[in-house]
Amino acid sequence: MLSRAAFLWRLGRSFLVTVGIVVVSLLIGSCGYHFFGPMPWIDALLNSSMILTGMGPVDSMKTDAGKLFATFYALYGGIAFLTLVAVMLAPVLHRVMHKFHLDDSDE
């Protein structure tokens, strides 16, 4: 079994990966809403963060390109959420599976 320090390092690395995915996702969403919307940057950030959290858009899109972007970004947001959960839970589930498969003599 991995030591507690190594496990926490692995968990921290997973957290940093999820933060990176969130930042990139917000950047993609903000740019898309800003350029295809067109929306001011702060409104674009608000819309992209609301989509990523699953709460839904705040402002509706006026252009066809904006509506298409919002459609695909919403689909991406759902997949991104599932990916974030998987990345964060992977080290924990990996450790739990090892714990169940250890013999008493292996500890």
N, C-alpha and C. Protein backbone atom coordinates (compact mmCIF):
# COMPACT_ATOMS: atom_id res chain seq x y z
N MET A 1 0.86 -1.18 0.00
CA MET A 1 0.00 0.00 0.00
C MET A 1 0.90 1.24 0.00
N LEU A 2 0.45 2.22 -0.74
CA LEU A 2 1.16 3.50 -0.82
C LEU A 2 1.13 4.19 0.54
N SER A 3 2.21 4.86 0.88
CA SER A 3 2.24 5.58 2.15
C SER A 3 1.24 6.73 2.12
N ARG A 4 0.89 7.21 3.30
CA ARG A 4 -0.07 8.31 3.39
C ARG A 4 0.45 9.55 2.67
N ALA A 5 1.73 9.84 2.82
CA ALA A 5 2.32 11.01 2.17
C ALA A 5 2.26 10.89 0.64
N ALA A 6 2.56 9.71 0.13
CA ALA A 6 2.51 9.49 -1.32
C ALA A 6 1.07 9.56 -1.83
N PHE A 7 0.14 9.03 -1.02
CA PHE A 7 -1.27 9.10 -1.39
C PHE A 7 -1.74 10.56 -1.44
N LEU A 8 -1.37 11.34 -0.43
CA LEU A 8 -1.77 12.75 -0.42
C LEU A 8 -1.14 13.51 -1.59
N TRP A 9 0.09 13.16 -1.96
CA TRP A 9 0.73 13.77 -3.12
C TRP A 9 -0.06 13.44 -4.39
N ARG A 10 -0.45 12.19 -4.52
CA ARG A 10 -1.24 11.76 -5.68
C ARG A 10 -2.60 12.46 -5.71
N LEU A 11 -3.22 12.60 -4.55
CA LEU A 11 -4.50 13.29 -4.45
C LEU A 11 -4.35 14.77 -4.80
N GLY A 12 -3.27 15.38 -4.33
CA GLY A 12 -3.01 16.79 -4.66
C GLY A 12 -2.77 16.98 -6.14
N ARG A 13 -2.07 16.05 -6.75
CA ARG A 13 -1.83 16.11 -8.19
C ARG A 13 -3.13 16.00 -8.97
N SER A 14 -4.04 15.14 -8.51
CA SER A 14 -5.35 15.02 -9.15
C SER A 14 -6.14 16.31 -9.00
N PHE A 15 -6.04 16.93 -7.82
CA PHE A 15 -6.72 18.20 -7.60
C PHE A 15 -6.19 19.28 -8.55
N LEU A 16 -4.87 19.31 -8.73
CA LEU A 16 -4.29 20.30 -9.65
C LEU A 16 -4.74 20.06 -11.09
N VAL A 17 -4.87 18.80 -11.47
CA VAL A 17 -5.37 18.49 -12.81
C VAL A 17 -6.80 18.99 -12.96
N THR A 18 -7.63 18.78 -11.94
CA THR A 18 -9.01 19.25 -12.04
C THR A 18 -9.08 20.77 -12.08
N VAL A 19 -8.23 21.44 -11.32
CA VAL A 19 -8.20 22.90 -11.38
C VAL A 19 -7.80 23.35 -12.78
N GLY A 20 -6.84 22.68 -13.37
CA GLY A 20 -6.43 23.00 -14.74
C GLY A 20 -7.56 22.82 -15.74
N ILE A 21 -8.30 21.73 -15.60
CA ILE A 21 -9.43 21.48 -16.50
C ILE A 21 -10.49 22.55 -16.33
N VAL A 22 -10.75 22.95 -15.09
CA VAL A 22 -11.75 24.00 -14.84
C VAL A 22 -11.31 25.32 -15.44
N VAL A 23 -10.05 25.68 -15.26
CA VAL A 23 -9.54 26.95 -15.80
C VAL A 23 -9.63 26.96 -17.32
N VAL A 24 -9.20 25.87 -17.95
CA VAL A 24 -9.27 25.79 -19.41
C VAL A 24 -10.72 25.82 -19.88
N SER A 25 -11.59 25.12 -19.18
CA SER A 25 -13.01 25.11 -19.55
C SER A 25 -13.63 26.49 -19.43
N LEU A 26 -13.30 27.21 -18.36
CA LEU A 26 -13.81 28.57 -18.20
C LEU A 26 -13.26 29.49 -19.28
N LEU A 27 -12.01 29.30 -19.63
CA LEU A 27 -11.40 30.10 -20.69
C LEU A 27 -12.09 29.86 -22.03
N ILE A 28 -12.32 28.59 -22.36
CA ILE A 28 -13.02 28.25 -23.60
C ILE A 28 -14.42 28.85 -23.60
N GLY A 29 -15.14 28.65 -22.50
CA GLY A 29 -16.51 29.15 -22.42
C GLY A 29 -16.59 30.66 -22.47
N SER A 30 -15.70 31.33 -21.74
CA SER A 30 -15.71 32.79 -21.73
C SER A 30 -15.41 33.36 -23.11
N CYS A 31 -14.41 32.79 -23.77
CA CYS A 31 -14.08 33.26 -25.13
C CYS A 31 -15.23 33.00 -26.10
N GLY A 32 -15.83 31.82 -25.99
CA GLY A 32 -16.94 31.50 -26.88
C GLY A 32 -18.13 32.41 -26.68
N TYR A 33 -18.50 32.62 -25.44
CA TYR A 33 -19.63 33.51 -25.17
C TYR A 33 -19.31 34.95 -25.54
N HIS A 34 -18.07 35.35 -25.35
CA HIS A 34 -17.69 36.73 -25.67
C HIS A 34 -17.71 36.97 -27.20
N PHE A 35 -17.11 36.04 -27.94
CA PHE A 35 -16.97 36.26 -29.38
C PHE A 35 -18.19 35.83 -30.18
N PHE A 36 -18.88 34.77 -29.75
CA PHE A 36 -20.04 34.30 -30.49
C PHE A 36 -21.33 34.92 -29.98
N GLY A 37 -21.32 35.40 -28.72
CA GLY A 37 -22.51 35.92 -28.04
C GLY A 37 -23.17 37.10 -28.71
N PRO A 38 -22.57 38.17 -28.94
CA PRO A 38 -21.40 38.68 -28.21
C PRO A 38 -21.82 39.21 -26.85
N MET A 39 -21.01 38.91 -25.84
CA MET A 39 -21.29 39.35 -24.47
C MET A 39 -20.06 40.04 -23.91
N PRO A 40 -20.25 40.94 -22.96
CA PRO A 40 -19.09 41.48 -22.25
C PRO A 40 -18.36 40.35 -21.51
N TRP A 41 -17.09 40.54 -21.25
CA TRP A 41 -16.28 39.48 -20.65
C TRP A 41 -16.86 38.97 -19.34
N ILE A 42 -17.32 39.86 -18.48
CA ILE A 42 -17.83 39.42 -17.18
C ILE A 42 -19.09 38.58 -17.33
N ASP A 43 -19.96 38.94 -18.27
CA ASP A 43 -21.17 38.14 -18.53
C ASP A 43 -20.81 36.80 -19.16
N ALA A 44 -19.80 36.81 -20.02
CA ALA A 44 -19.35 35.56 -20.65
C ALA A 44 -18.78 34.61 -19.59
N LEU A 45 -18.01 35.14 -18.65
CA LEU A 45 -17.48 34.32 -17.57
C LEU A 45 -18.61 33.78 -16.69
N LEU A 46 -19.57 34.61 -16.38
CA LEU A 46 -20.71 34.18 -15.58
C LEU A 46 -21.48 33.06 -16.28
N ASN A 47 -21.76 33.23 -17.56
CA ASN A 47 -22.49 32.19 -18.30
C ASN A 47 -21.70 30.89 -18.35
N SER A 48 -20.41 30.98 -18.63
CA SER A 48 -19.63 29.74 -18.74
C SER A 48 -19.52 29.04 -17.39
N SER A 49 -19.39 29.79 -16.31
CA SER A 49 -19.31 29.14 -15.00
C SER A 49 -20.65 28.53 -14.60
N MET A 50 -21.73 29.18 -14.96
CA MET A 50 -23.05 28.62 -14.64
C MET A 50 -23.32 27.34 -15.43
N ILE A 51 -22.88 27.30 -16.68
CA ILE A 51 -23.04 26.08 -17.48
C ILE A 51 -22.20 24.95 -16.89
N LEU A 52 -20.95 25.25 -16.51
CA LEU A 52 -20.08 24.21 -15.96
C LEU A 52 -20.59 23.65 -14.64
N THR A 53 -21.28 24.46 -13.86
CA THR A 53 -21.81 23.95 -12.59
C THR A 53 -23.16 23.27 -12.75
N GLY A 54 -23.71 23.32 -13.95
CA GLY A 54 -24.98 22.65 -14.22
C GLY A 54 -26.20 23.48 -13.86
N MET A 55 -26.01 24.75 -13.59
CA MET A 55 -27.14 25.59 -13.19
C MET A 55 -27.86 26.20 -14.39
N GLY A 56 -27.21 26.21 -15.54
CA GLY A 56 -27.85 26.74 -16.73
C GLY A 56 -27.40 28.15 -17.04
N PRO A 57 -27.68 28.60 -18.26
CA PRO A 57 -27.21 29.92 -18.68
C PRO A 57 -27.97 31.05 -17.99
N VAL A 58 -27.31 32.19 -17.89
CA VAL A 58 -27.93 33.38 -17.32
C VAL A 58 -28.56 34.20 -18.43
N ASP A 59 -27.79 34.47 -19.48
CA ASP A 59 -28.26 35.25 -20.62
C ASP A 59 -28.43 34.34 -21.83
N SER A 60 -29.45 34.63 -22.63
CA SER A 60 -29.65 33.84 -23.84
C SER A 60 -28.79 34.40 -24.97
N MET A 61 -28.48 33.53 -25.90
CA MET A 61 -27.66 33.91 -27.04
C MET A 61 -28.56 34.51 -28.12
N LYS A 62 -28.06 35.51 -28.80
CA LYS A 62 -28.86 36.22 -29.82
C LYS A 62 -28.54 35.75 -31.24
N THR A 63 -27.30 35.31 -31.48
CA THR A 63 -26.89 34.92 -32.83
C THR A 63 -26.98 33.41 -32.99
N ASP A 64 -27.06 32.97 -34.25
CA ASP A 64 -27.08 31.54 -34.52
C ASP A 64 -25.77 30.88 -34.12
N ALA A 65 -24.66 31.56 -34.41
CA ALA A 65 -23.35 31.03 -34.02
C ALA A 65 -23.26 30.90 -32.50
N GLY A 66 -23.79 31.88 -31.80
CA GLY A 66 -23.80 31.83 -30.34
C GLY A 66 -24.64 30.69 -29.80
N LYS A 67 -25.76 30.45 -30.44
CA LYS A 67 -26.63 29.35 -30.00
C LYS A 67 -25.97 28.00 -30.24
N LEU A 68 -25.28 27.87 -31.38
CA LEU A 68 -24.55 26.63 -31.64
C LEU A 68 -23.42 26.44 -30.63
N PHE A 69 -22.69 27.52 -30.35
CA PHE A 69 -21.63 27.42 -29.36
C PHE A 69 -22.21 27.01 -28.00
N ALA A 70 -23.29 27.64 -27.59
CA ALA A 70 -23.90 27.34 -26.29
C ALA A 70 -24.35 25.88 -26.22
N THR A 71 -24.86 25.36 -27.33
CA THR A 71 -25.27 23.96 -27.38
C THR A 71 -24.10 23.03 -27.13
N PHE A 72 -23.02 23.24 -27.88
CA PHE A 72 -21.87 22.34 -27.75
C PHE A 72 -21.12 22.56 -26.43
N TYR A 73 -21.12 23.78 -25.93
CA TYR A 73 -20.47 24.04 -24.65
C TYR A 73 -21.25 23.38 -23.51
N ALA A 74 -22.56 23.36 -23.60
CA ALA A 74 -23.36 22.69 -22.57
C ALA A 74 -23.08 21.19 -22.58
N LEU A 75 -22.97 20.59 -23.76
CA LEU A 75 -22.63 19.17 -23.85
C LEU A 75 -21.22 18.93 -23.30
N TYR A 76 -20.30 19.81 -23.65
CA TYR A 76 -18.93 19.71 -23.14
C TYR A 76 -18.92 19.84 -21.61
N GLY A 77 -19.73 20.75 -21.08
CA GLY A 77 -19.77 20.96 -19.65
C GLY A 77 -20.18 19.71 -18.89
N GLY A 78 -21.14 18.98 -19.41
CA GLY A 78 -21.55 17.73 -18.78
C GLY A 78 -20.45 16.70 -18.78
N ILE A 79 -19.76 16.58 -19.90
CA ILE A 79 -18.65 15.64 -19.99
C ILE A 79 -17.50 16.08 -19.10
N ALA A 80 -17.23 17.38 -19.07
CA ALA A 80 -16.15 17.90 -18.22
C ALA A 80 -16.44 17.62 -16.76
N PHE A 81 -17.69 17.76 -16.34
CA PHE A 81 -18.05 17.49 -14.94
C PHE A 81 -17.78 16.03 -14.60
N LEU A 82 -18.20 15.13 -15.46
CA LEU A 82 -17.94 13.70 -15.21
C LEU A 82 -16.45 13.40 -15.17
N THR A 83 -15.69 14.05 -16.04
CA THR A 83 -14.24 13.86 -16.06
C THR A 83 -13.61 14.36 -14.77
N LEU A 84 -14.07 15.51 -14.29
CA LEU A 84 -13.52 16.06 -13.04
C LEU A 84 -13.80 15.13 -11.86
N VAL A 85 -14.99 14.59 -11.81
CA VAL A 85 -15.32 13.66 -10.73
C VAL A 85 -14.43 12.42 -10.82
N ALA A 86 -14.24 11.90 -12.01
CA ALA A 86 -13.40 10.71 -12.19
C ALA A 86 -11.96 10.98 -11.81
N VAL A 87 -11.42 12.11 -12.21
CA VAL A 87 -10.02 12.43 -11.89
C VAL A 87 -9.84 12.59 -10.38
N MET A 88 -10.80 13.22 -9.71
CA MET A 88 -10.68 13.41 -8.27
C MET A 88 -10.88 12.12 -7.48
N LEU A 89 -11.77 11.26 -7.95
CA LEU A 89 -12.05 10.03 -7.21
C LEU A 89 -11.08 8.89 -7.52
N ALA A 90 -10.36 8.97 -8.61
CA ALA A 90 -9.48 7.87 -9.01
C ALA A 90 -8.47 7.48 -7.93
N PRO A 91 -7.73 8.42 -7.34
CA PRO A 91 -6.78 7.99 -6.30
C PRO A 91 -7.46 7.39 -5.07
N VAL A 92 -8.62 7.92 -4.71
CA VAL A 92 -9.33 7.41 -3.54
C VAL A 92 -9.83 5.99 -3.82
N LEU A 93 -10.46 5.80 -4.97
CA LEU A 93 -10.96 4.47 -5.31
C LEU A 93 -9.82 3.46 -5.48
N HIS A 94 -8.72 3.92 -6.03
CA HIS A 94 -7.56 3.06 -6.19
C HIS A 94 -7.04 2.60 -4.83
N ARG A 95 -6.99 3.51 -3.88
CA ARG A 95 -6.53 3.16 -2.53
C ARG A 95 -7.52 2.21 -1.85
N VAL A 96 -8.81 2.46 -2.01
CA VAL A 96 -9.83 1.59 -1.39
C VAL A 96 -9.73 0.19 -1.97
N MET A 97 -9.55 0.09 -3.28
CA MET A 97 -9.43 -1.24 -3.90
C MET A 97 -8.20 -1.97 -3.38
N HIS A 98 -7.09 -1.27 -3.21
CA HIS A 98 -5.89 -1.90 -2.66
C HIS A 98 -6.13 -2.33 -1.22
N LYS A 99 -6.84 -1.52 -0.46
CA LYS A 99 -7.12 -1.86 0.94
C LYS A 99 -7.93 -3.14 1.04
N PHE A 100 -8.91 -3.31 0.15
CA PHE A 100 -9.74 -4.51 0.18
C PHE A 100 -8.96 -5.75 -0.25
N HIS A 101 -7.96 -5.57 -1.07
CA HIS A 101 -7.23 -6.72 -1.60
C HIS A 101 -5.96 -7.04 -0.83
N LEU A 102 -5.65 -6.30 0.18
CA LEU A 102 -4.47 -6.61 1.00
C LEU A 102 -4.77 -7.74 1.96
N ASP A 103 -3.81 -8.63 2.12
CA ASP A 103 -3.91 -9.64 3.18
C ASP A 103 -3.43 -8.98 4.47
N ASP A 104 -3.78 -9.56 5.58
CA ASP A 104 -3.33 -9.01 6.86
C ASP A 104 -1.81 -9.02 6.96
N SER A 105 -1.16 -9.97 6.33
CA SER A 105 0.31 -10.07 6.40
C SER A 105 0.99 -9.04 5.49
N ASP A 106 0.26 -8.44 4.51
CA ASP A 106 0.84 -7.49 3.57
C ASP A 106 0.97 -6.10 4.15
N GLU A 107 0.28 -5.81 5.23
CA GLU A 107 0.32 -4.46 5.80
C GLU A 107 1.64 -4.25 6.45
